[in-house]
C-alpha cells in the first residue's frame, strides 16, 4: 500500500513496525497525537466503544477508520483493495475532520459512518 499511496505524497505503515507491540492503545493514540495528523485504519472497532480508547482517539487529533463488518469478512487482499479504493475519501476525512471515529464502508459510493 505504501508504494501506491506514496505517489501522492502519503505514507502507510503497519503500526507494529513503528511502535512496540506492548504499547497500549491509549498510549499509542497519545503518541500519534503529538506526532501530527495521523489516520489509523483498524479492524478493532471495539476501540470506538471502550471509553478510555475512545477518549484517547478524540483527544489526540487522530482520525480512526475502522473496517465495517462486511469489509472485515473479506480476504486480506480484498480488504486492502477496499482501503485503496476508498483512499481518496480517507484523505478527505483527514483534511476535513479534526479527529473522529469512522466506519469504512464496503460499497464504493457509500459515506463513512461516524461512530
N, C-alpha and C. Protein backbone atom coordinates (compact mmCIF):
# COMPACT_ATOMS: atom_id res chain seq x y z
N UNK A 1 0.82 -1.19 0.00
CA UNK A 1 0.00 0.00 0.00
C UNK A 1 0.86 1.25 0.00
N UNK A 2 1.96 1.20 0.76
CA UNK A 2 2.81 2.38 0.85
C UNK A 2 3.29 2.83 -0.53
N UNK A 3 3.71 1.88 -1.34
CA UNK A 3 4.23 2.23 -2.67
C UNK A 3 3.18 2.93 -3.53
N UNK A 4 1.95 2.53 -3.40
CA UNK A 4 0.87 3.14 -4.20
C UNK A 4 0.53 4.53 -3.69
N UNK A 5 0.31 4.69 -2.40
CA UNK A 5 -0.11 5.99 -1.88
C UNK A 5 1.03 6.99 -1.80
N UNK A 6 2.28 6.49 -1.81
CA UNK A 6 3.42 7.41 -1.77
C UNK A 6 3.51 8.23 -3.05
N UNK A 7 2.90 7.77 -4.12
CA UNK A 7 2.87 8.53 -5.37
C UNK A 7 2.18 9.88 -5.19
N UNK A 8 1.27 9.95 -4.21
CA UNK A 8 0.57 11.20 -3.90
C UNK A 8 1.13 11.88 -2.66
N UNK A 9 2.29 11.42 -2.19
CA UNK A 9 2.93 12.06 -1.04
C UNK A 9 2.48 11.55 0.31
N UNK A 10 1.76 10.45 0.35
CA UNK A 10 1.29 9.89 1.63
C UNK A 10 2.18 8.72 2.03
N UNK A 11 2.08 8.34 3.28
CA UNK A 11 2.84 7.21 3.78
C UNK A 11 1.91 6.26 4.51
N UNK A 12 2.18 4.97 4.40
CA UNK A 12 1.41 3.94 5.10
C UNK A 12 2.39 3.05 5.83
N UNK A 13 2.09 2.81 7.09
CA UNK A 13 2.92 1.94 7.92
C UNK A 13 2.05 0.98 8.70
N UNK A 14 2.58 -0.19 8.95
CA UNK A 14 1.97 -1.07 9.94
C UNK A 14 2.42 -0.54 11.29
N UNK A 15 1.48 -0.28 12.19
CA UNK A 15 1.84 0.28 13.49
C UNK A 15 2.85 -0.60 14.23
N UNK A 16 2.77 -1.91 14.02
CA UNK A 16 3.71 -2.82 14.69
C UNK A 16 5.14 -2.61 14.21
N UNK A 17 5.31 -1.98 13.04
CA UNK A 17 6.65 -1.69 12.54
C UNK A 17 7.20 -0.37 13.09
N UNK A 18 6.35 0.43 13.71
CA UNK A 18 6.77 1.74 14.21
C UNK A 18 6.72 1.87 15.73
N UNK A 19 5.98 0.98 16.38
CA UNK A 19 5.79 1.07 17.82
C UNK A 19 5.95 -0.31 18.45
N UNK A 20 6.33 -0.36 19.72
CA UNK A 20 6.44 -1.66 20.39
C UNK A 20 5.07 -2.34 20.45
N UNK A 21 5.06 -3.64 20.32
CA UNK A 21 3.79 -4.36 20.36
C UNK A 21 3.16 -4.31 21.74
N UNK A 22 3.94 -3.91 22.74
CA UNK A 22 3.44 -3.82 24.11
C UNK A 22 2.76 -2.47 24.40
N UNK A 23 2.80 -1.52 23.47
CA UNK A 23 2.20 -0.22 23.71
C UNK A 23 0.68 -0.37 23.84
N UNK A 24 0.10 0.33 24.78
CA UNK A 24 -1.36 0.27 24.94
C UNK A 24 -2.00 1.15 23.87
N UNK A 25 -3.25 0.91 23.59
CA UNK A 25 -3.97 1.73 22.62
C UNK A 25 -3.99 3.20 23.05
N UNK A 26 -4.22 3.43 24.33
CA UNK A 26 -4.27 4.81 24.84
C UNK A 26 -2.93 5.50 24.63
N UNK A 27 -1.84 4.85 24.97
CA UNK A 27 -0.52 5.43 24.78
C UNK A 27 -0.21 5.64 23.30
N UNK A 28 -0.63 4.70 22.47
CA UNK A 28 -0.42 4.83 21.03
C UNK A 28 -1.08 6.10 20.50
N UNK A 29 -2.33 6.31 20.86
CA UNK A 29 -3.04 7.48 20.36
C UNK A 29 -2.46 8.78 20.92
N UNK A 30 -2.01 8.75 22.16
CA UNK A 30 -1.35 9.93 22.72
C UNK A 30 -0.09 10.26 21.92
N UNK A 31 0.70 9.24 21.63
CA UNK A 31 1.92 9.45 20.86
C UNK A 31 1.62 9.96 19.45
N UNK A 32 0.65 9.35 18.79
CA UNK A 32 0.29 9.78 17.44
C UNK A 32 -0.22 11.22 17.43
N UNK A 33 -0.95 11.59 18.47
CA UNK A 33 -1.45 12.96 18.57
C UNK A 33 -0.33 13.98 18.64
N UNK A 34 0.75 13.62 19.30
CA UNK A 34 1.91 14.53 19.38
C UNK A 34 2.70 14.54 18.08
N UNK A 35 2.55 13.50 17.27
CA UNK A 35 3.38 13.34 16.07
C UNK A 35 2.78 13.96 14.81
N UNK A 36 1.56 14.48 14.85
CA UNK A 36 0.99 15.10 13.66
C UNK A 36 -0.36 14.56 13.29
N UNK A 37 -0.72 14.77 12.05
CA UNK A 37 -2.06 14.42 11.56
C UNK A 37 -2.08 12.99 11.03
N UNK A 38 -2.46 12.08 11.89
CA UNK A 38 -2.47 10.66 11.54
C UNK A 38 -3.89 10.17 11.25
N UNK A 39 -3.93 9.16 10.41
CA UNK A 39 -5.12 8.34 10.22
C UNK A 39 -4.72 6.93 10.62
N UNK A 40 -5.51 6.31 11.47
CA UNK A 40 -5.28 4.91 11.84
C UNK A 40 -6.42 4.11 11.24
N UNK A 41 -6.06 3.07 10.50
CA UNK A 41 -7.06 2.15 9.93
C UNK A 41 -6.94 0.85 10.72
N UNK A 42 -8.05 0.42 11.28
CA UNK A 42 -8.02 -0.71 12.21
C UNK A 42 -9.23 -1.62 12.03
N UNK A 43 -9.04 -2.87 12.41
CA UNK A 43 -10.15 -3.82 12.47
C UNK A 43 -10.80 -3.82 13.85
N UNK A 44 -10.14 -3.23 14.82
CA UNK A 44 -10.58 -3.29 16.23
C UNK A 44 -11.62 -2.21 16.52
N UNK A 45 -12.84 -2.40 16.00
CA UNK A 45 -13.90 -1.41 16.19
C UNK A 45 -14.30 -1.28 17.66
N UNK A 46 -13.90 -2.23 18.48
CA UNK A 46 -14.19 -2.14 19.91
C UNK A 46 -13.50 -0.93 20.53
N UNK A 47 -12.41 -0.46 19.93
CA UNK A 47 -11.74 0.75 20.43
C UNK A 47 -12.70 1.94 20.42
N UNK A 48 -13.59 1.98 19.46
CA UNK A 48 -14.54 3.09 19.35
C UNK A 48 -15.57 3.05 20.47
N UNK A 49 -15.70 1.90 21.13
CA UNK A 49 -16.72 1.74 22.15
C UNK A 49 -16.17 1.76 23.58
N UNK A 50 -14.90 1.42 23.73
CA UNK A 50 -14.29 1.42 25.06
C UNK A 50 -13.95 2.85 25.45
N UNK A 51 -14.48 3.34 26.57
CA UNK A 51 -14.29 4.75 26.94
C UNK A 51 -12.84 5.24 26.96
N UNK A 52 -11.87 4.50 27.51
CA UNK A 52 -10.50 5.04 27.53
C UNK A 52 -9.92 5.23 26.12
N UNK A 53 -10.12 4.24 25.26
CA UNK A 53 -9.60 4.33 23.90
C UNK A 53 -10.33 5.40 23.10
N UNK A 54 -11.64 5.44 23.24
CA UNK A 54 -12.43 6.45 22.53
C UNK A 54 -11.98 7.86 22.92
N UNK A 55 -11.82 8.08 24.20
CA UNK A 55 -11.37 9.40 24.68
C UNK A 55 -9.97 9.71 24.16
N UNK A 56 -9.09 8.72 24.15
CA UNK A 56 -7.72 8.95 23.66
C UNK A 56 -7.73 9.31 22.18
N UNK A 57 -8.56 8.64 21.40
CA UNK A 57 -8.65 8.96 19.97
C UNK A 57 -9.15 10.38 19.78
N UNK A 58 -10.23 10.70 20.44
CA UNK A 58 -10.85 12.01 20.24
C UNK A 58 -9.96 13.15 20.74
N UNK A 59 -9.20 12.92 21.80
CA UNK A 59 -8.35 13.99 22.32
C UNK A 59 -7.02 14.08 21.57
N UNK A 60 -6.67 13.06 20.80
CA UNK A 60 -5.37 13.01 20.14
C UNK A 60 -5.32 13.78 18.82
N UNK A 61 -6.47 13.98 18.20
CA UNK A 61 -6.46 14.58 16.88
C UNK A 61 -6.28 13.56 15.76
N UNK A 62 -6.33 12.29 16.12
CA UNK A 62 -6.23 11.21 15.14
C UNK A 62 -7.60 10.96 14.53
N UNK A 63 -7.63 10.65 13.24
CA UNK A 63 -8.84 10.16 12.60
C UNK A 63 -8.70 8.64 12.56
N UNK A 64 -9.61 7.95 13.22
CA UNK A 64 -9.58 6.49 13.28
C UNK A 64 -10.66 5.94 12.34
N UNK A 65 -10.22 5.10 11.43
CA UNK A 65 -11.12 4.46 10.46
C UNK A 65 -11.14 2.98 10.78
N UNK A 66 -12.32 2.46 11.05
CA UNK A 66 -12.47 1.05 11.37
C UNK A 66 -13.17 0.34 10.22
N UNK A 67 -12.73 -0.87 9.92
CA UNK A 67 -13.34 -1.64 8.85
C UNK A 67 -14.76 -2.05 9.24
N UNK A 68 -15.69 -1.80 8.35
CA UNK A 68 -17.06 -2.26 8.56
C UNK A 68 -17.04 -3.79 8.61
N UNK A 69 -18.00 -4.39 9.32
CA UNK A 69 -18.02 -5.86 9.40
C UNK A 69 -17.96 -6.55 8.04
N UNK A 70 -18.63 -5.99 7.05
CA UNK A 70 -18.61 -6.61 5.71
C UNK A 70 -17.21 -6.57 5.11
N UNK A 71 -16.45 -5.52 5.38
CA UNK A 71 -15.08 -5.43 4.89
C UNK A 71 -14.18 -6.39 5.65
N UNK A 72 -14.39 -6.47 6.95
CA UNK A 72 -13.56 -7.33 7.78
C UNK A 72 -13.70 -8.81 7.41
N UNK A 73 -14.84 -9.19 6.87
CA UNK A 73 -15.08 -10.59 6.48
C UNK A 73 -14.37 -10.96 5.18
N UNK A 74 -13.91 -9.96 4.43
CA UNK A 74 -13.24 -10.22 3.16
C UNK A 74 -11.85 -10.80 3.38
N UNK A 75 -11.31 -11.51 2.38
CA UNK A 75 -9.91 -11.94 2.48
C UNK A 75 -9.00 -10.71 2.55
N UNK A 76 -7.81 -10.86 3.14
CA UNK A 76 -6.92 -9.70 3.31
C UNK A 76 -6.66 -8.89 2.05
N UNK A 77 -6.47 -9.55 0.92
CA UNK A 77 -6.18 -8.79 -0.31
C UNK A 77 -7.39 -7.95 -0.74
N UNK A 78 -8.61 -8.42 -0.46
CA UNK A 78 -9.80 -7.63 -0.78
C UNK A 78 -10.02 -6.52 0.24
N UNK A 79 -9.61 -6.73 1.48
CA UNK A 79 -9.64 -5.65 2.46
C UNK A 79 -8.72 -4.52 2.00
N UNK A 80 -7.50 -4.90 1.58
CA UNK A 80 -6.53 -3.91 1.10
C UNK A 80 -7.08 -3.18 -0.13
N UNK A 81 -7.71 -3.91 -1.03
CA UNK A 81 -8.27 -3.28 -2.23
C UNK A 81 -9.38 -2.30 -1.86
N UNK A 82 -10.19 -2.64 -0.86
CA UNK A 82 -11.25 -1.74 -0.41
C UNK A 82 -10.65 -0.46 0.19
N UNK A 83 -9.61 -0.62 0.99
CA UNK A 83 -8.95 0.55 1.58
C UNK A 83 -8.37 1.42 0.47
N UNK A 84 -7.71 0.82 -0.51
CA UNK A 84 -7.15 1.61 -1.61
C UNK A 84 -8.24 2.29 -2.42
N UNK A 85 -9.34 1.59 -2.66
CA UNK A 85 -10.44 2.18 -3.41
C UNK A 85 -10.99 3.41 -2.68
N UNK A 86 -11.01 3.35 -1.38
CA UNK A 86 -11.54 4.43 -0.55
C UNK A 86 -10.47 5.45 -0.16
N UNK A 87 -9.25 5.32 -0.67
CA UNK A 87 -8.14 6.15 -0.22
C UNK A 87 -8.44 7.64 -0.34
N UNK A 88 -9.00 8.07 -1.46
CA UNK A 88 -9.34 9.49 -1.63
C UNK A 88 -10.30 9.97 -0.56
N UNK A 89 -11.28 9.15 -0.22
CA UNK A 89 -12.25 9.51 0.82
C UNK A 89 -11.57 9.52 2.19
N UNK A 90 -10.63 8.61 2.42
CA UNK A 90 -9.90 8.60 3.68
C UNK A 90 -9.09 9.88 3.83
N UNK A 91 -8.42 10.29 2.78
CA UNK A 91 -7.64 11.54 2.80
C UNK A 91 -8.55 12.73 3.05
N UNK A 92 -9.72 12.74 2.42
CA UNK A 92 -10.68 13.85 2.65
C UNK A 92 -11.16 13.87 4.10
N UNK A 93 -11.37 12.70 4.70
CA UNK A 93 -11.75 12.66 6.11
C UNK A 93 -10.68 13.34 6.96
N UNK A 94 -9.42 13.04 6.66
CA UNK A 94 -8.32 13.64 7.43
C UNK A 94 -8.27 15.15 7.22
N UNK A 95 -8.52 15.59 6.00
CA UNK A 95 -8.45 17.01 5.67
C UNK A 95 -9.61 17.80 6.27
N UNK A 96 -10.75 17.16 6.45
CA UNK A 96 -11.94 17.89 6.88
C UNK A 96 -12.34 17.66 8.33
N UNK A 97 -11.71 16.69 8.98
CA UNK A 97 -12.07 16.36 10.36
C UNK A 97 -10.87 16.59 11.28
N UNK A 98 -11.10 17.24 12.39
CA UNK A 98 -10.04 17.46 13.38
C UNK A 98 -9.68 16.15 14.07
N UNK A 99 -10.65 15.28 14.21
CA UNK A 99 -10.48 13.97 14.81
C UNK A 99 -11.74 13.18 14.49
N UNK A 100 -11.82 11.98 14.98
CA UNK A 100 -13.07 11.24 14.80
C UNK A 100 -12.87 9.75 14.66
N UNK A 101 -13.99 9.07 14.75
CA UNK A 101 -14.04 7.62 14.62
C UNK A 101 -15.06 7.31 13.54
N UNK A 102 -14.64 6.58 12.52
CA UNK A 102 -15.49 6.35 11.37
C UNK A 102 -15.42 4.89 10.94
N UNK A 103 -16.49 4.44 10.31
CA UNK A 103 -16.57 3.09 9.78
C UNK A 103 -16.33 3.14 8.28
N UNK A 104 -15.36 2.36 7.80
CA UNK A 104 -15.03 2.29 6.38
C UNK A 104 -16.06 1.40 5.68
N UNK A 105 -16.82 1.95 4.75
CA UNK A 105 -17.85 1.15 4.10
C UNK A 105 -17.27 0.22 3.04
N UNK A 106 -18.02 -0.81 2.71
CA UNK A 106 -17.58 -1.73 1.66
C UNK A 106 -17.96 -1.20 0.28
N UNK A 107 -19.08 -0.52 0.19
CA UNK A 107 -19.55 -0.03 -1.11
C UNK A 107 -18.78 1.22 -1.52
N UNK A 108 -18.41 1.28 -2.77
CA UNK A 108 -17.56 2.37 -3.26
C UNK A 108 -18.21 3.73 -3.16
N UNK A 109 -19.50 3.82 -3.29
CA UNK A 109 -20.17 5.12 -3.24
C UNK A 109 -20.73 5.49 -1.89
N UNK A 110 -20.51 4.63 -0.89
CA UNK A 110 -21.09 4.88 0.44
C UNK A 110 -20.27 5.90 1.22
N UNK A 111 -20.96 6.57 2.13
CA UNK A 111 -20.32 7.55 3.00
C UNK A 111 -19.76 6.84 4.24
N UNK A 112 -18.77 7.49 4.86
CA UNK A 112 -18.25 7.00 6.12
C UNK A 112 -19.32 7.21 7.19
N UNK A 113 -19.47 6.23 8.06
CA UNK A 113 -20.41 6.36 9.16
C UNK A 113 -19.63 6.77 10.41
N UNK A 114 -20.08 7.83 11.07
CA UNK A 114 -19.45 8.28 12.29
C UNK A 114 -19.82 7.34 13.42
N UNK A 115 -18.85 6.99 14.25
CA UNK A 115 -19.10 6.08 15.37
C UNK A 115 -19.17 6.84 16.68
